[in-house]
């Protein structure tokens, strides 16, 4: 498997977040990384800002994000 972008979204006019799957030494990894638009190259380039982890931890990340979403919803209700 090559680096396969499965989702991306714009953070700003010059930045985007990409979620990718990649394989290294027969193990699958999830990479969530910030990219910036290079005026010189006229394309998006990766930054050092990101997170790479084994696909076996995806469920843990998902549970954490669900808790964050719930916390945000609860905070909005209390306003």
N, C-alpha and C. Protein backbone atom coordinates (compact mmCIF):
# COMPACT_ATOMS: atom_id res chain seq x y z
N UNK A 1 0.86 -1.18 0.00
CA UNK A 1 0.00 0.00 0.00
C UNK A 1 0.89 1.24 0.00
N UNK A 2 0.64 2.12 -0.91
CA UNK A 2 1.31 3.42 -0.90
C UNK A 2 0.61 4.32 0.08
N UNK A 3 1.15 5.51 0.27
CA UNK A 3 0.50 6.51 1.10
C UNK A 3 -0.85 6.85 0.45
N UNK A 4 -1.94 6.54 1.14
CA UNK A 4 -3.28 6.72 0.58
C UNK A 4 -4.05 7.75 1.41
N UNK A 5 -4.34 8.91 0.82
CA UNK A 5 -5.11 9.95 1.52
C UNK A 5 -6.57 9.49 1.56
N UNK A 6 -7.13 9.39 2.76
CA UNK A 6 -8.52 8.94 2.90
C UNK A 6 -9.46 10.09 3.25
N UNK A 7 -8.89 11.21 3.72
CA UNK A 7 -9.72 12.38 4.02
C UNK A 7 -8.82 13.60 4.11
N UNK A 8 -9.33 14.75 3.71
CA UNK A 8 -8.61 16.01 3.91
C UNK A 8 -9.62 17.14 4.03
N UNK A 9 -9.20 18.20 4.72
CA UNK A 9 -10.04 19.38 4.85
C UNK A 9 -9.16 20.61 5.01
N UNK A 10 -9.68 21.74 4.51
CA UNK A 10 -8.95 23.01 4.58
C UNK A 10 -9.01 23.56 6.00
N UNK A 11 -7.86 23.96 6.51
CA UNK A 11 -7.78 24.63 7.80
C UNK A 11 -7.79 26.14 7.55
N UNK A 12 -7.18 26.55 6.45
CA UNK A 12 -7.15 27.96 6.04
C UNK A 12 -6.85 27.98 4.54
N UNK A 13 -6.66 29.16 4.00
CA UNK A 13 -6.34 29.27 2.57
C UNK A 13 -5.01 28.63 2.22
N UNK A 14 -4.09 28.58 3.17
CA UNK A 14 -2.75 28.06 2.88
C UNK A 14 -2.43 26.76 3.61
N UNK A 15 -3.39 26.21 4.37
CA UNK A 15 -3.14 24.98 5.12
C UNK A 15 -4.30 24.00 4.97
N UNK A 16 -3.95 22.72 4.98
CA UNK A 16 -4.97 21.68 5.00
C UNK A 16 -4.49 20.52 5.86
N UNK A 17 -5.44 19.78 6.40
CA UNK A 17 -5.15 18.60 7.21
C UNK A 17 -5.46 17.38 6.35
N UNK A 18 -4.53 16.42 6.33
CA UNK A 18 -4.74 15.20 5.57
C UNK A 18 -4.65 13.99 6.50
N UNK A 19 -5.58 13.06 6.30
CA UNK A 19 -5.58 11.80 7.03
C UNK A 19 -5.22 10.73 6.00
N UNK A 20 -4.14 10.01 6.27
CA UNK A 20 -3.63 9.03 5.31
C UNK A 20 -3.40 7.68 5.96
N UNK A 21 -3.45 6.66 5.14
CA UNK A 21 -3.04 5.32 5.54
C UNK A 21 -1.71 5.04 4.85
N UNK A 22 -0.81 4.42 5.58
CA UNK A 22 0.47 4.03 4.98
C UNK A 22 0.93 2.72 5.57
N UNK A 23 1.79 2.07 4.87
CA UNK A 23 2.32 0.80 5.33
C UNK A 23 3.84 0.91 5.43
N UNK A 24 4.37 0.37 6.51
CA UNK A 24 5.82 0.37 6.72
C UNK A 24 6.18 -0.93 7.42
N UNK A 25 7.08 -1.67 6.83
CA UNK A 25 7.51 -2.97 7.38
C UNK A 25 6.31 -3.86 7.69
N UNK A 26 5.41 -3.95 6.72
CA UNK A 26 4.22 -4.80 6.77
C UNK A 26 3.25 -4.45 7.91
N UNK A 27 3.31 -3.22 8.39
CA UNK A 27 2.39 -2.75 9.42
C UNK A 27 1.67 -1.51 8.88
N UNK A 28 0.37 -1.40 9.15
CA UNK A 28 -0.43 -0.27 8.67
C UNK A 28 -0.45 0.84 9.71
N UNK A 29 -0.25 2.07 9.25
CA UNK A 29 -0.23 3.25 10.11
C UNK A 29 -1.26 4.27 9.62
N UNK A 30 -1.75 5.07 10.57
CA UNK A 30 -2.61 6.21 10.28
C UNK A 30 -1.76 7.45 10.49
N UNK A 31 -1.81 8.36 9.55
CA UNK A 31 -1.04 9.61 9.64
C UNK A 31 -2.01 10.78 9.51
N UNK A 32 -2.03 11.64 10.50
CA UNK A 32 -2.83 12.87 10.47
C UNK A 32 -1.83 14.01 10.47
N UNK A 33 -1.80 14.77 9.39
CA UNK A 33 -0.72 15.75 9.23
C UNK A 33 -1.21 17.06 8.64
N UNK A 34 -0.59 18.15 9.07
CA UNK A 34 -0.85 19.48 8.53
C UNK A 34 0.04 19.71 7.32
N UNK A 35 -0.54 20.20 6.23
CA UNK A 35 0.18 20.54 5.02
C UNK A 35 0.05 22.04 4.77
N UNK A 36 1.06 22.65 4.17
CA UNK A 36 1.02 24.07 3.82
C UNK A 36 1.20 24.22 2.31
N UNK A 37 0.66 25.30 1.76
CA UNK A 37 0.80 25.56 0.33
C UNK A 37 2.11 26.28 0.08
N UNK A 38 2.96 25.68 -0.73
CA UNK A 38 4.25 26.28 -1.08
C UNK A 38 4.09 27.14 -2.33
N UNK A 39 4.30 28.44 -2.17
CA UNK A 39 4.21 29.36 -3.32
C UNK A 39 5.27 29.00 -4.36
N UNK A 40 6.43 28.59 -3.90
CA UNK A 40 7.53 28.24 -4.81
C UNK A 40 7.20 27.03 -5.67
N UNK A 41 6.66 25.97 -5.03
CA UNK A 41 6.35 24.73 -5.75
C UNK A 41 4.93 24.68 -6.29
N UNK A 42 4.08 25.59 -5.81
CA UNK A 42 2.67 25.63 -6.21
C UNK A 42 1.95 24.32 -5.89
N UNK A 43 2.27 23.74 -4.72
CA UNK A 43 1.59 22.54 -4.25
C UNK A 43 1.68 22.47 -2.73
N UNK A 44 0.85 21.61 -2.15
CA UNK A 44 0.87 21.43 -0.71
C UNK A 44 2.04 20.54 -0.31
N UNK A 45 2.71 20.93 0.78
CA UNK A 45 3.85 20.21 1.32
C UNK A 45 3.57 19.85 2.78
N UNK A 46 4.06 18.70 3.26
CA UNK A 46 3.83 18.32 4.65
C UNK A 46 4.66 19.15 5.61
N UNK A 47 4.10 19.36 6.80
CA UNK A 47 4.86 19.99 7.89
C UNK A 47 5.26 18.90 8.87
N UNK A 48 5.99 19.28 9.90
CA UNK A 48 6.35 18.34 10.95
C UNK A 48 5.21 18.17 11.95
N UNK A 49 4.19 19.01 11.82
CA UNK A 49 3.05 18.96 12.74
C UNK A 49 2.12 17.84 12.32
N UNK A 50 2.03 16.82 13.14
CA UNK A 50 1.17 15.71 12.82
C UNK A 50 1.32 14.58 13.81
N UNK A 51 0.61 13.51 13.53
CA UNK A 51 0.58 12.35 14.41
C UNK A 51 0.53 11.10 13.55
N UNK A 52 1.41 10.15 13.82
CA UNK A 52 1.40 8.87 13.14
C UNK A 52 1.32 7.78 14.20
N UNK A 53 0.41 6.83 14.00
CA UNK A 53 0.25 5.75 14.98
C UNK A 53 -0.22 4.49 14.28
N UNK A 54 0.00 3.37 14.92
CA UNK A 54 -0.43 2.09 14.37
C UNK A 54 -1.94 2.03 14.27
N UNK A 55 -2.42 1.40 13.20
CA UNK A 55 -3.86 1.33 12.96
C UNK A 55 -4.61 0.63 14.09
N UNK A 56 -3.92 -0.18 14.87
CA UNK A 56 -4.58 -0.87 15.99
C UNK A 56 -5.03 0.10 17.09
N UNK A 57 -4.53 1.33 17.07
CA UNK A 57 -4.92 2.34 18.06
C UNK A 57 -6.04 3.25 17.58
N UNK A 58 -6.55 3.02 16.39
CA UNK A 58 -7.57 3.89 15.81
C UNK A 58 -8.83 3.93 16.68
N UNK A 59 -9.23 2.81 17.24
CA UNK A 59 -10.40 2.78 18.12
C UNK A 59 -10.23 3.66 19.34
N UNK A 60 -9.03 3.66 19.91
CA UNK A 60 -8.75 4.51 21.08
C UNK A 60 -8.85 5.98 20.71
N UNK A 61 -8.30 6.35 19.56
CA UNK A 61 -8.39 7.74 19.11
C UNK A 61 -9.84 8.13 18.88
N UNK A 62 -10.60 7.25 18.27
CA UNK A 62 -12.01 7.52 18.00
C UNK A 62 -12.77 7.75 19.32
N UNK A 63 -12.52 6.91 20.32
CA UNK A 63 -13.18 7.09 21.63
C UNK A 63 -12.79 8.44 22.25
N UNK A 64 -11.54 8.80 22.13
CA UNK A 64 -11.10 10.09 22.66
C UNK A 64 -11.77 11.26 21.97
N UNK A 65 -11.89 11.19 20.65
CA UNK A 65 -12.54 12.26 19.89
C UNK A 65 -14.02 12.34 20.21
N UNK A 66 -14.66 11.20 20.44
CA UNK A 66 -16.07 11.20 20.83
C UNK A 66 -16.25 11.88 22.18
N UNK A 67 -15.32 11.66 23.09
CA UNK A 67 -15.38 12.33 24.40
C UNK A 67 -15.18 13.84 24.26
N UNK A 68 -14.29 14.23 23.38
CA UNK A 68 -14.08 15.67 23.12
C UNK A 68 -15.36 16.27 22.56
N UNK A 69 -15.96 15.60 21.58
CA UNK A 69 -17.20 16.08 20.98
C UNK A 69 -18.31 16.21 22.03
N UNK A 70 -18.42 15.22 22.89
CA UNK A 70 -19.41 15.25 23.95
C UNK A 70 -19.13 16.41 24.91
N UNK A 71 -17.87 16.61 25.26
CA UNK A 71 -17.49 17.71 26.15
C UNK A 71 -17.83 19.07 25.56
N UNK A 72 -17.61 19.22 24.26
CA UNK A 72 -17.96 20.47 23.59
C UNK A 72 -19.46 20.68 23.60
N UNK A 73 -20.23 19.61 23.35
CA UNK A 73 -21.69 19.71 23.36
C UNK A 73 -22.19 20.08 24.74
N UNK A 74 -21.65 19.47 25.78
CA UNK A 74 -22.04 19.77 27.15
C UNK A 74 -21.71 21.22 27.51
N UNK A 75 -20.56 21.70 27.10
CA UNK A 75 -20.16 23.08 27.39
C UNK A 75 -21.10 24.06 26.70
N UNK A 76 -21.51 23.74 25.47
CA UNK A 76 -22.43 24.63 24.73
C UNK A 76 -23.79 24.68 25.41
N UNK A 77 -24.23 23.56 25.98
CA UNK A 77 -25.52 23.53 26.67
C UNK A 77 -25.50 24.37 27.94
N UNK A 78 -24.35 24.49 28.57
CA UNK A 78 -24.25 25.21 29.84
C UNK A 78 -24.13 26.71 29.65
N UNK A 79 -23.99 27.16 28.42
CA UNK A 79 -23.87 28.62 28.18
C UNK A 79 -25.20 29.29 28.14
